Amino acid sequence: MALPTLDHKAPDYARRYPNLADARLGARTLACSDDFFADMARMLNPEPAVFIPGKYDANGKWMDGWESRRKRVNGHDWCIVRLAKPGVLRGVDLDTSHFSGNYPPAAALEAACIDAGAPDEETVWHTVLPSVNLQGNSHHYHEIHNAQTYTHVRLNIYPDGGVARLRVYAQPQADWAAEPHGLFDLIAMENGGYVVATNNQHFGHASKLLLPGRGRNMGDGWETRRRREPGNDWCLIALAHPGLVEKIEVDTCHFKGNYPAGCMLQAAAMHGGTETSLITQSMFWPVLLPEQALQMDHQHYYQNEIHQLGAITHIRFNIYPDGGVSRLRLWSRLAGG
């Protein structure tokens, strides 16, 4: 199974935030006006869209995405998606890969917040992306500036056609009050943790450290290029909520000839400044986890080794000197925000 890959032209929000329209995370298509040529559910597949020459089904050419029939009446087609988690929308990718003569000329995105159940006639939809022009066989990235939390989106295409993938990049909003004394992985992508910056991610994006589950192969993790100069590689990660760290996991799953020799974590409670200024400040943050030797293809757990720094909001994950790590977990108690 191919792993999700990121277009090299993708903006920062696509590297920083999870795609909450990812079926792997729990997103689902609920309804659409028409999916005669291609099932709407395919649009949420996390893998890159493919084209299979000569593949047809009973309705025509098989396409990897959502495709409606040619509209012969006034109106437009639409599809409703339940996001994997409630989130603040940061950006979208309307991907028409492999749709060349059958893509929609335009599209728009609406969103709604529904406490329970599915959208109905009474649902209030808010426009989060006004109508934009589309091209065939292309990614269309559009940043979204809206501070509201949403649970569902409705993709409108004008008037009909096919969309290979809908990716809705958002910052998940967890219900911390539901379990205030629980233990949370506060850097997990599904909880709202995100990568602020990294010095190198040549072979694998640092955001993969925060994905759910264990890595599926060596491509499903953060991997830097081979370092040919002094120093070490690093990434900065923002916690979803201020926390008191109790347990750390560093997983080098599938990394055998290219795992780091060691790692170390620094941390601090940061307020104000910019994310760019954090890069400089992080060099002087106190040590959360002293340098530890790592093994290949192994889950490493730390508890007694952790320094008690109090509540923190950010960490700096240092690897020595370079290499690949599949997942990083920061199990923590909630601290006052």
Protein backbone atom coordinates (compact mmCIF):
# COMPACT_ATOMS: atom_id res chain seq x y z
CA MET A 1 0.00 0.00 0.00
CA ALA A 2 1.40 3.38 -1.00
CA LEU A 3 1.93 5.94 1.72
CA PRO A 4 0.47 9.43 1.57
CA THR A 5 2.97 11.73 -0.09
CA LEU A 6 3.04 15.49 -0.10
CA ASP A 7 3.31 17.58 -3.23
CA HIS A 8 6.62 19.43 -3.10
CA LYS A 9 4.76 22.68 -3.72
CA ALA A 10 2.42 22.15 -0.78
CA PRO A 11 2.17 25.15 1.61
CA ASP A 12 3.19 25.09 5.25
CA TYR A 13 -0.29 24.32 6.55
CA ALA A 14 -0.30 21.01 4.63
CA ARG A 15 2.89 19.96 6.44
CA ARG A 16 1.87 21.28 9.84
CA TYR A 17 -1.73 20.18 10.33
CA PRO A 18 -3.48 16.84 9.78
CA ASN A 19 -5.90 16.26 6.94
CA LEU A 20 -9.17 15.80 8.83
CA ALA A 21 -10.83 14.57 5.61
CA ASP A 22 -8.63 11.45 5.79
CA ALA A 23 -10.59 8.19 5.93
CA ARG A 24 -7.71 6.60 7.82
CA LEU A 25 -8.37 9.00 10.70
CA GLY A 26 -12.13 8.41 10.64
CA ALA A 27 -13.51 10.93 8.13
CA ARG A 28 -16.55 9.74 6.17
CA THR A 29 -18.59 10.89 3.17
CA LEU A 30 -22.24 11.10 4.21
CA ALA A 31 -24.17 12.13 1.11
CA CYS A 32 -23.78 13.64 -2.33
CA SER A 33 -25.95 14.85 -5.17
CA ASP A 34 -24.51 12.29 -7.59
CA ASP A 35 -21.58 9.86 -7.78
CA PHE A 36 -22.57 7.92 -10.88
CA PHE A 37 -19.06 7.55 -12.32
CA ALA A 38 -16.94 7.31 -9.15
CA ASP A 39 -17.89 6.65 -5.52
CA MET A 40 -17.67 9.72 -3.30
CA ALA A 41 -15.79 7.71 -0.62
CA ARG A 42 -12.72 7.45 -2.87
CA MET A 43 -12.18 11.18 -2.49
CA LEU A 44 -11.08 10.64 1.16
CA ASN A 45 -8.47 7.97 0.42
CA PRO A 46 -5.21 9.12 2.08
CA GLU A 47 -3.08 7.62 -0.70
CA PRO A 48 -2.22 9.59 -3.83
CA ALA A 49 -4.76 9.19 -6.62
CA VAL A 50 -3.85 6.70 -9.36
CA PHE A 51 -4.83 6.25 -12.99
CA ILE A 52 -5.28 2.74 -14.37
CA PRO A 53 -5.42 2.68 -18.18
CA GLY A 54 -8.05 0.38 -19.59
CA LYS A 55 -9.96 -0.09 -16.32
CA TYR A 56 -13.72 0.30 -16.73
CA ASP A 57 -16.77 -0.61 -14.69
CA ALA A 58 -20.47 -0.86 -15.55
CA ASN A 59 -20.85 2.94 -15.67
CA GLY A 60 -17.74 3.81 -17.65
CA LYS A 61 -14.08 4.62 -17.04
CA TRP A 62 -12.97 3.81 -13.50
CA MET A 63 -11.56 6.92 -11.83
CA ASP A 64 -9.85 7.30 -8.47
CA GLY A 65 -11.94 10.01 -6.84
CA TRP A 66 -15.49 11.34 -6.74
CA GLU A 67 -17.08 11.91 -10.15
CA SER A 68 -20.66 12.88 -10.98
CA ARG A 69 -22.36 12.40 -14.35
CA ARG A 70 -22.64 15.19 -16.91
CA LYS A 71 -25.33 17.57 -15.65
CA ARG A 72 -28.08 18.32 -18.18
CA VAL A 73 -30.14 20.59 -15.93
CA ASN A 74 -29.51 23.79 -13.99
CA GLY A 75 -27.67 23.49 -10.65
CA HIS A 76 -24.45 22.01 -9.29
CA ASP A 77 -23.20 18.89 -7.52
CA TRP A 78 -22.13 18.62 -3.88
CA CYS A 79 -20.74 16.17 -1.33
CA ILE A 80 -20.97 16.28 2.49
CA VAL A 81 -18.05 15.00 4.57
CA ARG A 82 -17.91 14.35 8.31
CA LEU A 83 -14.43 15.31 9.46
CA ALA A 84 -12.39 12.87 11.52
CA LYS A 85 -12.46 15.29 14.49
CA PRO A 86 -13.78 18.78 15.17
CA GLY A 87 -11.18 21.28 14.05
CA VAL A 88 -10.26 24.84 13.12
CA LEU A 89 -9.77 24.83 9.35
CA ARG A 90 -6.38 26.09 8.15
CA GLY A 91 -6.38 25.21 4.47
CA VAL A 92 -7.62 22.91 1.76
CA ASP A 93 -6.28 21.01 -1.23
CA LEU A 94 -8.75 20.42 -4.06
CA ASP A 95 -6.86 17.78 -6.01
CA THR A 96 -7.98 16.99 -9.57
CA SER A 97 -5.15 14.52 -10.31
CA HIS A 98 -5.88 12.47 -13.46
CA PHE A 99 -9.10 14.38 -14.14
CA SER A 100 -8.28 16.29 -17.32
CA GLY A 101 -11.37 16.52 -19.56
CA ASN A 102 -13.81 15.88 -16.73
CA TYR A 103 -12.80 18.17 -13.85
CA PRO A 104 -15.19 20.86 -12.50
CA PRO A 105 -14.41 24.40 -13.71
CA ALA A 106 -15.00 25.74 -10.18
CA ALA A 107 -15.56 24.69 -6.59
CA ALA A 108 -16.39 26.13 -3.16
CA LEU A 109 -16.31 24.81 0.40
CA GLU A 110 -18.83 25.29 3.19
CA ALA A 111 -18.60 24.10 6.80
CA ALA A 112 -20.90 23.46 9.74
CA CYS A 113 -20.58 22.54 13.41
CA ILE A 114 -23.01 19.83 14.51
CA ASP A 115 -23.02 18.57 18.09
CA ALA A 116 -24.69 15.26 17.28
CA GLY A 117 -26.18 13.46 14.32
CA ALA A 118 -25.87 14.31 10.65
CA PRO A 119 -26.60 17.52 8.70
CA ASP A 120 -30.24 18.10 7.73
CA GLU A 121 -32.41 20.81 6.23
CA GLU A 122 -31.97 22.95 9.36
CA THR A 123 -28.16 22.88 9.28
CA VAL A 124 -26.52 26.28 8.93
CA TRP A 125 -23.61 26.16 6.48
CA HIS A 126 -20.88 28.82 6.48
CA THR A 127 -18.79 29.60 3.42
CA VAL A 128 -15.14 29.05 4.33
CA LEU A 129 -13.80 29.06 0.76
CA PRO A 130 -15.74 31.13 -1.81
CA SER A 131 -15.89 29.80 -5.37
CA VAL A 132 -12.48 29.33 -6.97
CA ASN A 133 -11.44 28.25 -10.45
CA LEU A 134 -10.03 24.76 -10.96
CA GLN A 135 -7.68 23.26 -13.51
CA GLY A 136 -7.34 19.67 -14.61
CA ASN A 137 -4.80 17.25 -13.11
CA SER A 138 -3.68 19.80 -10.48
CA HIS A 139 -3.49 20.54 -6.78
CA HIS A 140 -5.39 23.65 -5.72
CA TYR A 141 -4.20 24.98 -2.36
CA HIS A 142 -6.22 27.63 -0.58
CA GLU A 143 -5.57 28.92 2.92
CA ILE A 144 -8.61 29.34 5.16
CA HIS A 145 -8.87 32.15 7.70
CA ASN A 146 -11.63 31.21 10.11
CA ALA A 147 -11.35 30.74 13.88
CA GLN A 148 -14.51 28.67 14.26
CA THR A 149 -14.52 24.93 15.01
CA TYR A 150 -16.28 22.77 12.44
CA THR A 151 -17.29 19.11 12.28
CA HIS A 152 -18.57 18.80 8.69
CA VAL A 153 -17.77 20.29 5.28
CA ARG A 154 -19.73 20.44 2.05
CA LEU A 155 -17.79 20.54 -1.21
CA ASN A 156 -19.71 22.22 -4.02
CA ILE A 157 -18.53 21.71 -7.61
CA TYR A 158 -19.79 23.80 -10.52
CA PRO A 159 -21.55 22.35 -12.33
CA ASP A 160 -20.33 18.71 -12.28
CA GLY A 161 -17.24 16.55 -12.82
CA GLY A 162 -14.55 14.78 -10.85
CA VAL A 163 -12.32 15.55 -7.85
CA ALA A 164 -9.59 13.04 -7.03
CA ARG A 165 -9.00 14.05 -3.41
CA LEU A 166 -10.40 16.51 -0.90
CA ARG A 167 -7.88 17.32 1.83
CA VAL A 168 -8.98 19.58 4.67
CA TYR A 169 -6.03 20.60 6.82
CA ALA A 170 -7.15 21.65 10.29
CA GLN A 171 -6.05 21.93 13.89
CA PRO A 172 -8.08 19.37 15.86
CA GLN A 173 -9.94 20.62 18.91
CA ALA A 174 -10.00 18.07 21.73
CA ASP A 175 -12.55 18.09 24.53
CA TRP A 176 -10.10 18.35 27.41
CA ALA A 177 -12.88 18.86 29.96
CA ALA A 178 -14.23 15.37 29.27
CA GLU A 179 -11.25 13.79 31.04
CA PRO A 180 -9.33 16.55 32.86
CA HIS A 181 -7.14 14.16 34.85
CA GLY A 182 -6.34 11.77 32.00
CA LEU A 183 -2.99 11.04 30.40
CA PHE A 184 -2.75 12.42 26.85
CA ASP A 185 -0.21 12.32 24.06
CA LEU A 186 -0.13 16.10 23.77
CA ILE A 187 1.94 16.19 20.58
CA ALA A 188 -0.27 13.68 18.74
CA MET A 189 -1.54 15.15 15.50
CA GLU A 190 -5.07 13.99 16.25
CA ASN A 191 -5.00 15.96 19.53
CA GLY A 192 -3.76 19.16 17.91
CA GLY A 193 0.03 18.94 18.25
CA TYR A 194 2.03 20.23 15.27
CA VAL A 195 5.58 20.75 14.00
CA VAL A 196 6.72 24.35 14.24
CA ALA A 197 10.05 24.02 12.43
CA THR A 198 12.79 21.57 11.53
CA ASN A 199 16.28 21.93 10.12
CA ASN A 200 15.94 19.06 7.63
CA GLN A 201 13.34 16.58 6.38
CA HIS A 202 14.93 15.40 3.15
CA PHE A 203 13.56 11.84 3.14
CA GLY A 204 10.47 12.15 5.36
CA HIS A 205 8.44 15.01 6.81
CA ALA A 206 8.80 15.68 10.53
CA SER A 207 5.00 15.84 10.88
CA LYS A 208 4.91 12.05 10.41
CA LEU A 209 6.34 11.77 13.94
CA LEU A 210 2.91 12.81 15.22
CA LEU A 211 0.74 10.43 13.18
CA PRO A 212 -1.36 7.73 14.88
CA GLY A 213 -0.19 4.11 15.08
CA ARG A 214 3.24 2.75 14.32
CA GLY A 215 4.99 3.49 11.04
CA ARG A 216 4.04 1.21 8.16
CA ASN A 217 7.48 1.27 6.55
CA MET A 218 10.64 3.35 6.46
CA GLY A 219 8.88 6.04 4.43
CA ASP A 220 6.37 6.62 7.22
CA GLY A 221 8.55 8.69 9.55
CA TRP A 222 10.87 11.69 9.86
CA GLU A 223 14.20 11.09 8.14
CA THR A 224 16.96 13.62 7.51
CA ARG A 225 19.73 13.45 4.90
CA ARG A 226 23.19 12.16 5.83
CA ARG A 227 24.93 14.88 7.81
CA ARG A 228 28.40 15.71 6.46
CA GLU A 229 29.22 18.53 8.86
CA PRO A 230 29.33 18.98 12.67
CA GLY A 231 26.13 19.35 14.63
CA ASN A 232 22.84 17.48 14.83
CA ASP A 233 19.34 17.53 13.36
CA TRP A 234 16.26 18.76 15.24
CA CYS A 235 12.60 19.67 15.07
CA LEU A 236 10.39 21.91 17.21
CA ILE A 237 6.93 20.70 18.18
CA ALA A 238 4.04 22.60 19.78
CA LEU A 239 1.88 20.76 22.32
CA ALA A 240 -1.87 20.83 21.83
CA HIS A 241 -2.29 21.97 25.46
CA PRO A 242 0.19 22.94 28.20
CA GLY A 243 1.21 19.75 29.94
CA LEU A 244 3.25 18.00 32.63
CA VAL A 245 5.25 15.24 30.96
CA GLU A 246 5.18 11.79 32.57
CA LYS A 247 6.26 9.39 29.82
CA ILE A 248 8.08 9.65 26.49
CA GLU A 249 8.22 7.18 23.62
CA VAL A 250 10.74 7.29 20.77
CA ASP A 251 9.99 4.69 18.10
CA THR A 252 12.57 3.87 15.41
CA CYS A 253 10.25 1.34 13.73
CA HIS A 254 11.67 0.18 10.33
CA PHE A 255 14.78 2.35 10.66
CA LYS A 256 17.70 -0.11 10.78
CA GLY A 257 20.76 1.15 8.92
CA ASN A 258 19.78 4.78 9.32
CA TYR A 259 18.42 5.31 12.86
CA PRO A 260 20.01 8.07 14.98
CA ALA A 261 22.74 7.06 17.42
CA GLY A 262 20.96 9.04 20.13
CA CYS A 263 18.35 11.64 20.98
CA MET A 264 17.67 14.37 23.54
CA LEU A 265 14.65 16.56 24.31
CA GLN A 266 14.52 20.14 25.50
CA ALA A 267 11.32 21.91 26.53
CA ALA A 268 9.86 25.19 27.77
CA ALA A 269 6.65 27.08 28.41
CA MET A 270 6.60 29.72 25.70
CA HIS A 271 4.30 32.72 25.37
CA GLY A 272 4.62 35.56 22.89
CA GLY A 273 7.14 36.00 20.11
CA THR A 274 6.83 34.30 16.76
CA GLU A 275 7.37 30.75 15.62
CA THR A 276 10.52 31.88 13.83
CA SER A 277 11.92 33.33 17.07
CA LEU A 278 11.36 29.96 18.78
CA ILE A 279 14.10 28.42 16.65
CA THR A 280 16.73 30.64 18.27
CA GLN A 281 15.23 30.43 21.75
CA SER A 282 14.98 26.65 21.67
CA MET A 283 18.75 26.24 21.66
CA PHE A 284 18.74 27.42 25.28
CA TRP A 285 15.70 25.57 26.61
CA PRO A 286 16.29 23.32 29.64
CA VAL A 287 16.71 19.59 29.15
CA LEU A 288 13.56 17.48 29.44
CA LEU A 289 15.16 14.15 28.53
CA PRO A 290 18.97 13.82 28.70
CA GLU A 291 20.73 12.25 25.72
CA GLN A 292 19.77 8.61 25.28
CA ALA A 293 21.30 5.94 23.06
CA LEU A 294 18.87 4.55 20.49
CA GLN A 295 18.46 1.12 18.92
CA MET A 296 17.31 0.23 15.46
CA ASP A 297 13.66 -0.70 14.81
CA HIS A 298 12.73 -0.37 18.49
CA GLN A 299 10.24 1.35 20.80
CA HIS A 300 12.10 3.25 23.53
CA TYR A 301 10.22 4.29 26.68
CA TYR A 302 11.38 6.82 29.27
CA GLN A 303 9.89 7.77 32.64
CA ASN A 304 12.50 7.95 35.41
CA GLU A 305 14.91 9.73 33.08
CA ILE A 306 12.55 12.70 32.55
CA HIS A 307 13.47 15.98 34.24
CA GLN A 308 10.57 17.69 36.00
CA LEU A 309 10.30 21.10 34.34
CA GLY A 310 6.71 21.88 35.24
CA ALA A 311 4.18 22.85 32.59
CA ILE A 312 5.55 23.12 29.05
CA THR A 313 4.10 24.20 25.70
CA HIS A 314 6.90 23.28 23.23
CA ILE A 315 9.67 20.72 22.83
CA ARG A 316 12.85 20.54 20.77
CA PHE A 317 13.58 16.98 19.63
CA ASN A 318 17.30 16.57 18.91
CA ILE A 319 18.70 13.52 17.11
CA TYR A 320 22.43 12.71 16.92
CA PRO A 321 23.75 13.24 14.39
CA ASP A 322 21.01 12.48 11.83
CA GLY A 323 18.75 9.66 10.65
CA GLY A 324 15.17 8.50 10.92
CA VAL A 325 12.57 8.21 13.68
CA SER A 326 9.11 6.82 13.05
CA ARG A 327 7.03 8.19 15.96
CA LEU A 328 7.44 10.41 19.01
CA ARG A 329 4.95 10.37 21.92
CA LEU A 330 4.74 12.76 24.87
CA TRP A 331 2.33 11.31 27.45
CA SER A 332 1.34 14.14 29.77
CA ARG A 333 -1.14 15.46 32.32
CA LEU A 334 -2.99 18.65 31.49
CA ALA A 335 -1.65 21.83 33.06
CA GLY A 336 -3.40 25.17 33.41
CA GLY A 337 -3.49 26.89 30.01
